[in-house]
Protein backbone atom coordinates (compact mmCIF):
# COMPACT_ATOMS: atom_id res chain seq x y z
CA UNK A 1 130.67 98.42 95.11
CA UNK A 2 132.84 98.82 98.17
CA UNK A 3 131.31 101.45 100.41
CA UNK A 4 133.82 104.06 101.61
CA UNK A 5 133.95 104.26 105.40
CA UNK A 6 133.07 107.97 105.46
CA UNK A 7 129.81 107.26 103.57
CA UNK A 8 128.97 104.42 105.94
CA UNK A 9 129.54 106.74 108.89
CA UNK A 10 127.41 109.48 107.27
CA UNK A 11 124.57 107.10 106.49
CA UNK A 12 124.51 105.75 110.06
CA UNK A 13 124.64 109.29 111.43
CA UNK A 14 121.64 110.30 109.32
CA UNK A 15 119.68 107.20 110.26
CA UNK A 16 120.43 107.65 113.98
CA UNK A 17 119.34 111.27 114.03
CA UNK A 18 116.34 110.58 111.80
CA UNK A 19 117.44 112.99 109.09
CA UNK A 20 114.81 114.16 106.61
CA UNK A 21 113.77 111.39 104.23
CA UNK A 22 114.91 113.25 101.13
CA UNK A 23 118.37 113.87 102.59
CA UNK A 24 118.81 110.21 103.55
CA UNK A 25 117.41 108.94 100.22
CA UNK A 26 119.80 111.25 98.34
CA UNK A 27 122.72 109.60 100.14
CA UNK A 28 121.34 106.11 99.53
CA UNK A 29 120.97 106.92 95.83
CA UNK A 30 124.51 108.33 95.70
CA UNK A 31 125.97 105.08 97.05
CA UNK A 32 123.77 102.93 94.80
CA UNK A 33 121.33 101.48 97.33
CA UNK A 34 117.80 100.91 96.04
CA UNK A 35 115.03 101.55 98.59
CA UNK A 36 112.16 100.37 96.36
CA UNK A 37 109.89 97.63 97.71
CA UNK A 38 111.14 94.23 96.53
CA UNK A 39 108.95 92.40 94.04
CA UNK A 40 106.87 90.65 93.12
CA UNK A 41 103.72 92.34 94.43
CA UNK A 42 101.20 90.20 96.35
CA UNK A 43 98.70 88.29 94.17
CA UNK A 44 95.47 89.56 95.69
CA UNK A 45 93.35 88.46 92.69
CA UNK A 46 94.01 84.80 93.39
CA UNK A 47 93.06 85.24 97.07
CA UNK A 48 89.91 87.26 96.24
CA UNK A 49 88.64 84.47 93.96
CA UNK A 50 87.82 82.46 97.09
CA UNK A 51 85.02 84.90 98.05
CA UNK A 52 81.83 86.30 96.56
CA UNK A 53 81.47 90.05 96.72
CA UNK A 54 83.79 92.81 97.80
CA UNK A 55 87.00 91.94 99.61
CA UNK A 56 89.42 93.85 101.75
CA UNK A 57 93.07 93.23 100.95
CA UNK A 58 96.33 94.28 102.52
CA UNK A 59 99.84 93.28 103.39
CA UNK A 60 102.35 94.08 106.09
CA UNK A 61 105.81 93.00 107.20
CA UNK A 62 106.49 90.78 110.22
CA UNK A 63 110.01 90.36 111.50
CA UNK A 64 111.09 87.00 112.80
CA UNK A 65 114.18 85.10 113.87
CA UNK A 66 115.55 81.78 112.69
CA UNK A 67 117.24 79.92 115.51
CA UNK A 68 119.12 76.95 114.08
CA UNK A 69 121.98 74.97 115.60
CA UNK A 70 122.72 77.76 118.03
CA UNK A 71 122.83 80.48 115.36
CA UNK A 72 120.26 83.25 115.11
CA UNK A 73 119.47 85.28 112.04
CA UNK A 74 116.71 87.81 111.35
CA UNK A 75 113.99 86.94 108.84
CA UNK A 76 111.40 89.21 107.24
CA UNK A 77 107.97 87.94 106.25
CA UNK A 78 105.32 89.71 104.17
CA UNK A 79 101.84 88.68 105.22
CA UNK A 80 99.24 89.33 102.51
CA UNK A 81 95.55 88.75 103.08
CA UNK A 82 92.13 89.04 101.44
CA UNK A 83 88.76 88.55 103.06
CA UNK A 84 85.13 89.53 102.76
CA UNK A 85 84.26 93.02 103.93
CA UNK A 86 82.13 93.05 107.07
CA UNK A 87 81.41 96.42 108.69
CA UNK A 88 80.85 94.91 112.15
CA UNK A 89 83.82 92.55 112.28
CA UNK A 90 86.65 93.39 109.86
CA UNK A 91 87.99 90.09 108.58
CA UNK A 92 86.16 87.95 111.10
CA UNK A 93 88.54 85.12 111.97
CA UNK A 94 85.75 82.51 112.01
CA UNK A 95 85.23 82.92 108.27
CA UNK A 96 88.91 83.67 107.97
CA UNK A 97 90.77 85.60 105.34
CA UNK A 98 92.91 84.00 102.69
CA UNK A 99 96.54 84.39 103.69
CA UNK A 100 99.81 84.29 101.80
CA UNK A 101 103.21 84.33 103.51
CA UNK A 102 106.32 85.46 101.64
CA UNK A 103 109.92 85.33 102.87
CA UNK A 104 112.46 87.98 101.93
CA UNK A 105 115.21 86.30 99.93
CA UNK A 106 118.44 88.10 99.16
CA UNK A 107 120.49 85.30 97.62
CA UNK A 108 120.97 86.67 94.08
CA UNK A 109 122.10 90.18 95.01
CA UNK A 110 118.60 91.66 94.70
CA UNK A 111 115.93 91.28 97.38
CA UNK A 112 112.80 89.37 96.29
CA UNK A 113 109.77 87.92 98.03
CA UNK A 114 109.46 84.14 97.81
CA UNK A 115 106.08 82.60 98.60
CA UNK A 116 106.13 80.00 101.38
CA UNK A 117 103.79 77.07 101.67
CA UNK A 118 101.83 77.98 104.80
CA UNK A 119 101.67 74.29 105.76
CA UNK A 120 105.23 74.64 107.12
CA UNK A 121 103.89 77.02 109.78
CA UNK A 122 102.74 75.50 113.02
CA UNK A 123 99.14 76.01 114.17
CA UNK A 124 100.33 78.30 116.96
CA UNK A 125 102.26 80.45 114.45
CA UNK A 126 99.16 80.84 112.29
CA UNK A 127 97.05 81.60 115.38
CA UNK A 128 99.53 84.38 116.27
CA UNK A 129 99.30 85.84 112.75
CA UNK A 130 95.46 86.13 112.71
CA UNK A 131 95.31 88.94 115.31
CA UNK A 132 97.98 90.88 113.39
CA UNK A 133 95.90 90.55 110.20
CA UNK A 134 92.76 91.65 112.03
CA UNK A 135 94.57 94.66 113.53
CA UNK A 136 96.07 95.67 110.18
CA UNK A 137 92.67 95.32 108.47
CA UNK A 138 90.86 97.39 111.10
CA UNK A 139 93.55 100.12 110.95
CA UNK A 140 93.32 100.18 107.15
CA UNK A 141 89.52 100.55 107.33
CA UNK A 142 89.68 103.43 109.80
CA UNK A 143 92.21 105.44 107.77
């Protein structure tokens, strides 16, 4: 569908002025844009199998950038985790949670999450993800 310029302008205007969610979603629906979370959902069951007892699970989005041959493009990663519940240290990094990294793929016209093999991540990248997991887990526990 080719988006008429007046609808593009109206959508940007609403997003810039932070219009009410319903008003913006009504416009997105009218122009055929789906705002549902892309699938598939994280497979927490597989990650929880690594632990005995209750586990805390969660997922969040990290934005990144691919810099390749002088070109830069934004990337979106979904970090999913599961780890044993510990009241003193949520997801203590010494025991470590199980982690799954998905990349947003938009090649077939519909956005989907594609699981990445975490071995392609450098040690420093993984070390930078652990604090984000710990923060997300502690915020989820407190809410």
